[in-house]
Amino acid sequence: MRSVTAHFAKTGDAELRRIDVKAMLGAAEKGFPTWVMPCLQNLRHGIVFAGSVAVLALLAAH
């Protein structure tokens, strides 16, 4: 939330500075079903883990 607020402030756009970032992000979260975030988070962790294992295997092969 702080990064979005900081980015909006850096733009110099008065309209962006007036946006309630907490409310905006809360509304965006509520727009998704409850299972989406945990599912995407687990998928992301799985991809990162598999990629790390693949890199280690390739490094060990050389």
PDB file of N, CA and C in Angstrom:
ATOM      1  N   MET A   1       0.823  -1.170   0.000  1.00  0.00           N
ATOM      2  CA  MET A   1       0.000   0.000   0.000  1.00  0.00           C
ATOM      3  C   MET A   1       0.884   1.258   0.000  1.00  0.00           C
ATOM      4  N   ARG A   2       1.962   1.220   0.759  1.00  0.00           N
ATOM      5  CA  ARG A   2       2.841   2.392   0.803  1.00  0.00           C
ATOM      6  C   ARG A   2       3.478   2.657  -0.554  1.00  0.00           C
ATOM      7  N   SER A   3       3.811   1.586  -1.275  1.00  0.00           N
ATOM      8  CA  SER A   3       4.463   1.789  -2.565  1.00  0.00           C
ATOM      9  C   SER A   3       3.510   2.432  -3.569  1.00  0.00           C
ATOM     10  N   VAL A   4       2.245   2.036  -3.537  1.00  0.00           N
ATOM     11  CA  VAL A   4       1.259   2.634  -4.442  1.00  0.00           C
ATOM     12  C   VAL A   4       1.050   4.099  -4.080  1.00  0.00           C
ATOM     13  N   THR A   5       0.922   4.379  -2.788  1.00  0.00           N
ATOM     14  CA  THR A   5       0.751   5.758  -2.335  1.00  0.00           C
ATOM     15  C   THR A   5       1.954   6.605  -2.741  1.00  0.00           C
ATOM     16  N   ALA A   6       3.155   6.072  -2.554  1.00  0.00           N
ATOM     17  CA  ALA A   6       4.371   6.805  -2.920  1.00  0.00           C
ATOM     18  C   ALA A   6       4.435   7.044  -4.421  1.00  0.00           C
ATOM     19  N   HIS A   7       4.070   6.050  -5.198  1.00  0.00           N
ATOM     20  CA  HIS A   7       4.099   6.204  -6.652  1.00  0.00           C
ATOM     21  C   HIS A   7       3.095   7.258  -7.105  1.00  0.00           C
ATOM     22  N   PHE A   8       1.898   7.220  -6.542  1.00  0.00           N
ATOM     23  CA  PHE A   8       0.889   8.218  -6.890  1.00  0.00           C
ATOM     24  C   PHE A   8       1.389   9.618  -6.544  1.00  0.00           C
ATOM     25  N   ALA A   9       2.078   9.759  -5.418  1.00  0.00           N
ATOM     26  CA  ALA A   9       2.588  11.070  -5.003  1.00  0.00           C
ATOM     27  C   ALA A   9       3.690  11.559  -5.947  1.00  0.00           C
ATOM     28  N   LYS A  10       4.519  10.632  -6.445  1.00  0.00           N
ATOM     29  CA  LYS A  10       5.631  11.009  -7.320  1.00  0.00           C
ATOM     30  C   LYS A  10       5.169  11.486  -8.691  1.00  0.00           C
ATOM     31  N   THR A  11       3.981  11.068  -9.110  1.00  0.00           N
ATOM     32  CA  THR A  11       3.518  11.441 -10.450  1.00  0.00           C
ATOM     33  C   THR A  11       3.248  12.928 -10.578  1.00  0.00           C
ATOM     34  N   GLY A  12       2.940  13.575  -9.458  1.00  0.00           N
ATOM     35  CA  GLY A  12       2.605  14.990  -9.512  1.00  0.00           C
ATOM     36  C   GLY A  12       1.177  15.250  -9.961  1.00  0.00           C
ATOM     37  N   ASP A  13       0.410  14.198 -10.164  1.00  0.00           N
ATOM     38  CA  ASP A  13      -0.984  14.320 -10.595  1.00  0.00           C
ATOM     39  C   ASP A  13      -1.872  14.529  -9.370  1.00  0.00           C
ATOM     40  N   ALA A  14      -2.540  15.664  -9.306  1.00  0.00           N
ATOM     41  CA  ALA A  14      -3.384  15.986  -8.150  1.00  0.00           C
ATOM     42  C   ALA A  14      -4.531  14.992  -7.999  1.00  0.00           C
ATOM     43  N   GLU A  15      -5.047  14.506  -9.108  1.00  0.00           N
ATOM     44  CA  GLU A  15      -6.161  13.551  -9.046  1.00  0.00           C
ATOM     45  C   GLU A  15      -5.709  12.225  -8.427  1.00  0.00           C
ATOM     46  N   LEU A  16      -4.526  11.762  -8.776  1.00  0.00           N
ATOM     47  CA  LEU A  16      -4.007  10.523  -8.188  1.00  0.00           C
ATOM     48  C   LEU A  16      -3.732  10.685  -6.700  1.00  0.00           C
ATOM     49  N   ARG A  17      -3.262  11.852  -6.288  1.00  0.00           N
ATOM     50  CA  ARG A  17      -2.981  12.084  -4.865  1.00  0.00           C
ATOM     51  C   ARG A  17      -4.248  12.062  -4.020  1.00  0.00           C
ATOM     52  N   ARG A  18      -5.395  12.370  -4.617  1.00  0.00           N
ATOM     53  CA  ARG A  18      -6.660  12.388  -3.866  1.00  0.00           C
ATOM     54  C   ARG A  18      -7.257  10.995  -3.680  1.00  0.00           C
ATOM     55  N   ILE A  19      -6.754  10.006  -4.379  1.00  0.00           N
ATOM     56  CA  ILE A  19      -7.314   8.651  -4.297  1.00  0.00           C
ATOM     57  C   ILE A  19      -6.997   8.038  -2.940  1.00  0.00           C
ATOM     58  N   ASP A  20      -8.003   7.435  -2.328  1.00  0.00           N
ATOM     59  CA  ASP A  20      -7.821   6.690  -1.075  1.00  0.00           C
ATOM     60  C   ASP A  20      -7.282   5.308  -1.452  1.00  0.00           C
ATOM     61  N   VAL A  21      -5.970   5.156  -1.359  1.00  0.00           N
ATOM     62  CA  VAL A  21      -5.306   3.937  -1.831  1.00  0.00           C
ATOM     63  C   VAL A  21      -5.779   2.717  -1.052  1.00  0.00           C
ATOM     64  N   LYS A  22      -5.932   2.848   0.259  1.00  0.00           N
ATOM     65  CA  LYS A  22      -6.368   1.715   1.077  1.00  0.00           C
ATOM     66  C   LYS A  22      -7.742   1.227   0.626  1.00  0.00           C
ATOM     67  N   ALA A  23      -8.655   2.152   0.393  1.00  0.00           N
ATOM     68  CA  ALA A  23      -9.997   1.777  -0.060  1.00  0.00           C
ATOM     69  C   ALA A  23      -9.956   1.180  -1.464  1.00  0.00           C
ATOM     70  N   MET A  24      -9.123   1.743  -2.335  1.00  0.00           N
ATOM     71  CA  MET A  24      -9.025   1.244  -3.704  1.00  0.00           C
ATOM     72  C   MET A  24      -8.494  -0.191  -3.733  1.00  0.00           C
ATOM     73  N   LEU A  25      -7.414  -0.441  -2.970  1.00  0.00           N
ATOM     74  CA  LEU A  25      -6.849  -1.790  -2.951  1.00  0.00           C
ATOM     75  C   LEU A  25      -7.787  -2.778  -2.268  1.00  0.00           C
ATOM     76  N   GLY A  26      -8.497  -2.329  -1.237  1.00  0.00           N
ATOM     77  CA  GLY A  26      -9.484  -3.187  -0.580  1.00  0.00           C
ATOM     78  C   GLY A  26     -10.597  -3.585  -1.531  1.00  0.00           C
ATOM     79  N   ALA A  27     -11.070  -2.630  -2.329  1.00  0.00           N
ATOM     80  CA  ALA A  27     -12.117  -2.926  -3.310  1.00  0.00           C
ATOM     81  C   ALA A  27     -11.604  -3.883  -4.380  1.00  0.00           C
ATOM     82  N   ALA A  28     -10.344  -3.719  -4.778  1.00  0.00           N
ATOM     83  CA  ALA A  28      -9.765  -4.621  -5.777  1.00  0.00           C
ATOM     84  C   ALA A  28      -9.660  -6.037  -5.232  1.00  0.00           C
ATOM     85  N   GLU A  29      -9.267  -6.180  -3.959  1.00  0.00           N
ATOM     86  CA  GLU A  29      -9.177  -7.510  -3.342  1.00  0.00           C
ATOM     87  C   GLU A  29     -10.541  -8.174  -3.253  1.00  0.00           C
ATOM     88  N   LYS A  30     -11.548  -7.402  -2.910  1.00  0.00           N
ATOM     89  CA  LYS A  30     -12.897  -7.961  -2.761  1.00  0.00           C
ATOM     90  C   LYS A  30     -13.486  -8.392  -4.098  1.00  0.00           C
ATOM     91  N   GLY A  31     -12.912  -7.917  -5.197  1.00  0.00           N
ATOM     92  CA  GLY A  31     -13.396  -8.276  -6.518  1.00  0.00           C
ATOM     93  C   GLY A  31     -13.034  -9.696  -6.931  1.00  0.00           C
ATOM     94  N   PHE A  32     -12.127 -10.324  -6.209  1.00  0.00           N
ATOM     95  CA  PHE A  32     -11.706 -11.681  -6.525  1.00  0.00           C
ATOM     96  C   PHE A  32     -12.329 -12.665  -5.546  1.00  0.00           C
ATOM     97  N   PRO A  33     -12.605 -13.895  -5.987  1.00  0.00           N
ATOM     98  CA  PRO A  33     -13.071 -14.922  -5.046  1.00  0.00           C
ATOM     99  C   PRO A  33     -11.993 -15.194  -3.993  1.00  0.00           C
ATOM    100  N   THR A  34     -12.403 -15.678  -2.834  1.00  0.00           N
ATOM    101  CA  THR A  34     -11.470 -15.871  -1.720  1.00  0.00           C
ATOM    102  C   THR A  34     -10.384 -16.903  -2.022  1.00  0.00           C
ATOM    103  N   TRP A  35     -10.620 -17.831  -2.927  1.00  0.00           N
ATOM    104  CA  TRP A  35      -9.637 -18.870  -3.199  1.00  0.00           C
ATOM    105  C   TRP A  35      -8.517 -18.390  -4.124  1.00  0.00           C
ATOM    106  N   VAL A  36      -8.703 -17.277  -4.806  1.00  0.00           N
ATOM    107  CA  VAL A  36      -7.746 -16.860  -5.830  1.00  0.00           C
ATOM    108  C   VAL A  36      -6.371 -16.540  -5.245  1.00  0.00           C
ATOM    109  N   MET A  37      -6.316 -15.709  -4.223  1.00  0.00           N
ATOM    110  CA  MET A  37      -5.015 -15.288  -3.698  1.00  0.00           C
ATOM    111  C   MET A  37      -4.212 -16.450  -3.115  1.00  0.00           C
ATOM    112  N   PRO A  38      -4.789 -17.300  -2.258  1.00  0.00           N
ATOM    113  CA  PRO A  38      -3.985 -18.437  -1.766  1.00  0.00           C
ATOM    114  C   PRO A  38      -3.544 -19.361  -2.902  1.00  0.00           C
ATOM    115  N   CYS A  39      -4.418 -19.573  -3.872  1.00  0.00           N
ATOM    116  CA  CYS A  39      -4.087 -20.458  -4.991  1.00  0.00           C
ATOM    117  C   CYS A  39      -2.938 -19.867  -5.809  1.00  0.00           C
ATOM    118  N   LEU A  40      -3.030 -18.585  -6.138  1.00  0.00           N
ATOM    119  CA  LEU A  40      -1.961 -17.950  -6.908  1.00  0.00           C
ATOM    120  C   LEU A  40      -0.657 -17.886  -6.126  1.00  0.00           C
ATOM    121  N   GLN A  41      -0.766 -17.666  -4.825  1.00  0.00           N
ATOM    122  CA  GLN A  41       0.434 -17.615  -3.989  1.00  0.00           C
ATOM    123  C   GLN A  41       1.124 -18.977  -3.975  1.00  0.00           C
ATOM    124  N   ASN A  42       0.359 -20.043  -3.814  1.00  0.00           N
ATOM    125  CA  ASN A  42       0.943 -21.388  -3.818  1.00  0.00           C
ATOM    126  C   ASN A  42       1.527 -21.729  -5.181  1.00  0.00           C
ATOM    127  N   LEU A  43       0.852 -21.335  -6.242  1.00  0.00           N
ATOM    128  CA  LEU A  43       1.362 -21.571  -7.588  1.00  0.00           C
ATOM    129  C   LEU A  43       2.690 -20.838  -7.788  1.00  0.00           C
ATOM    130  N   ARG A  44       2.750 -19.589  -7.350  1.00  0.00           N
ATOM    131  CA  ARG A  44       3.982 -18.806  -7.472  1.00  0.00           C
ATOM    132  C   ARG A  44       5.122 -19.464  -6.701  1.00  0.00           C
ATOM    133  N   HIS A  45       4.850 -19.912  -5.478  1.00  0.00           N
ATOM    134  CA  HIS A  45       5.885 -20.573  -4.683  1.00  0.00           C
ATOM    135  C   HIS A  45       6.344 -21.865  -5.356  1.00  0.00           C
ATOM    136  N   GLY A  46       5.416 -22.616  -5.918  1.00  0.00           N
ATOM    137  CA  GLY A  46       5.770 -23.853  -6.616  1.00  0.00           C
ATOM    138  C   GLY A  46       6.659 -23.601  -7.818  1.00  0.00           C
ATOM    139  N   ILE A  47       6.335 -22.561  -8.585  1.00  0.00           N
ATOM    140  CA  ILE A  47       7.142 -22.228  -9.761  1.00  0.00           C
ATOM    141  C   ILE A  47       8.547 -21.798  -9.352  1.00  0.00           C
ATOM    142  N   VAL A  48       8.646 -20.978  -8.320  1.00  0.00           N
ATOM    143  CA  VAL A  48       9.955 -20.517  -7.849  1.00  0.00           C
ATOM    144  C   VAL A  48      10.774 -21.691  -7.327  1.00  0.00           C
ATOM    145  N   PHE A  49      10.146 -22.583  -6.569  1.00  0.00           N
ATOM    146  CA  PHE A  49      10.854 -23.746  -6.031  1.00  0.00           C
ATOM    147  C   PHE A  49      11.345 -24.644  -7.165  1.00  0.00           C
ATOM    148  N   ALA A  50      10.463 -24.931  -8.132  1.00  0.00           N
ATOM    149  CA  ALA A  50      10.849 -25.792  -9.251  1.00  0.00           C
ATOM    150  C   ALA A  50      11.968 -25.149 -10.071  1.00  0.00           C
ATOM    151  N   GLY A  51      11.891 -23.847 -10.277  1.00  0.00           N
ATOM    152  CA  GLY A  51      12.943 -23.148 -11.010  1.00  0.00           C
ATOM    153  C   GLY A  51      14.270 -23.203 -10.282  1.00  0.00           C
ATOM    154  N   SER A  52      14.224 -23.058  -8.971  1.00  0.00           N
ATOM    155  CA  SER A  52      15.453 -23.126  -8.172  1.00  0.00           C
ATOM    156  C   SER A  52      16.075 -24.508  -8.251  1.00  0.00           C
ATOM    157  N   VAL A  53      15.253 -25.537  -8.161  1.00  0.00           N
ATOM    158  CA  VAL A  53      15.748 -26.914  -8.263  1.00  0.00           C
ATOM    159  C   VAL A  53      16.358 -27.146  -9.644  1.00  0.00           C
ATOM    160  N   ALA A  54      15.706 -26.637 -10.689  1.00  0.00           N
ATOM    161  CA  ALA A  54      16.228 -26.810 -12.044  1.00  0.00           C
ATOM    162  C   ALA A  54      17.582 -26.116 -12.202  1.00  0.00           C
ATOM    163  N   VAL A  55      17.712 -24.917 -11.673  1.00  0.00           N
ATOM    164  CA  VAL A  55      18.985 -24.193 -11.769  1.00  0.00           C
ATOM    165  C   VAL A  55      20.078 -24.935 -11.011  1.00  0.00           C
ATOM    166  N   LEU A  56      19.772 -25.404  -9.815  1.00  0.00           N
ATOM    167  CA  LEU A  56      20.768 -26.156  -9.044  1.00  0.00           C
ATOM    168  C   LEU A  56      21.174 -27.437  -9.768  1.00  0.00           C
ATOM    169  N   ALA A  57      20.213 -28.108 -10.379  1.00  0.00           N
ATOM    170  CA  ALA A  57      20.523 -29.334 -11.121  1.00  0.00           C
ATOM    171  C   ALA A  57      21.412 -29.025 -12.322  1.00  0.00           C
ATOM    172  N   LEU A  58      21.117 -27.938 -13.024  1.00  0.00           N
ATOM    173  CA  LEU A  58      21.946 -27.565 -14.170  1.00  0.00           C
ATOM    174  C   LEU A  58      23.353 -27.162 -13.734  1.00  0.00           C
ATOM    175  N   LEU A  59      23.450 -26.453 -12.635  1.00  0.00           N
ATOM    176  CA  LEU A  59      24.773 -26.069 -12.128  1.00  0.00           C
ATOM    177  C   LEU A  59      25.568 -27.283 -11.663  1.00  0.00           C
ATOM    178  N   ALA A  60      24.894 -28.250 -11.065  1.00  0.00           N
ATOM    179  CA  ALA A  60      25.570 -29.457 -10.588  1.00  0.00           C
ATOM    180  C   ALA A  60      26.030 -30.326 -11.755  1.00  0.00           C
ATOM    181  N   ALA A  61      25.340 -30.249 -12.884  1.00  0.00           N
ATOM    182  CA  ALA A  61      25.686 -31.066 -14.044  1.00  0.00           C
ATOM    183  C   ALA A  61      26.956 -30.572 -14.735  1.00  0.00           C
ATOM    184  N   HIS A  62      27.309 -29.339 -14.508  1.00  0.00           N
ATOM    185  CA  HIS A  62      28.504 -28.793 -15.177  1.00  0.00           C
ATOM    186  C   HIS A  62      29.692 -28.966 -14.336  1.00  0.00           C
TER     187      HIS A  62
END
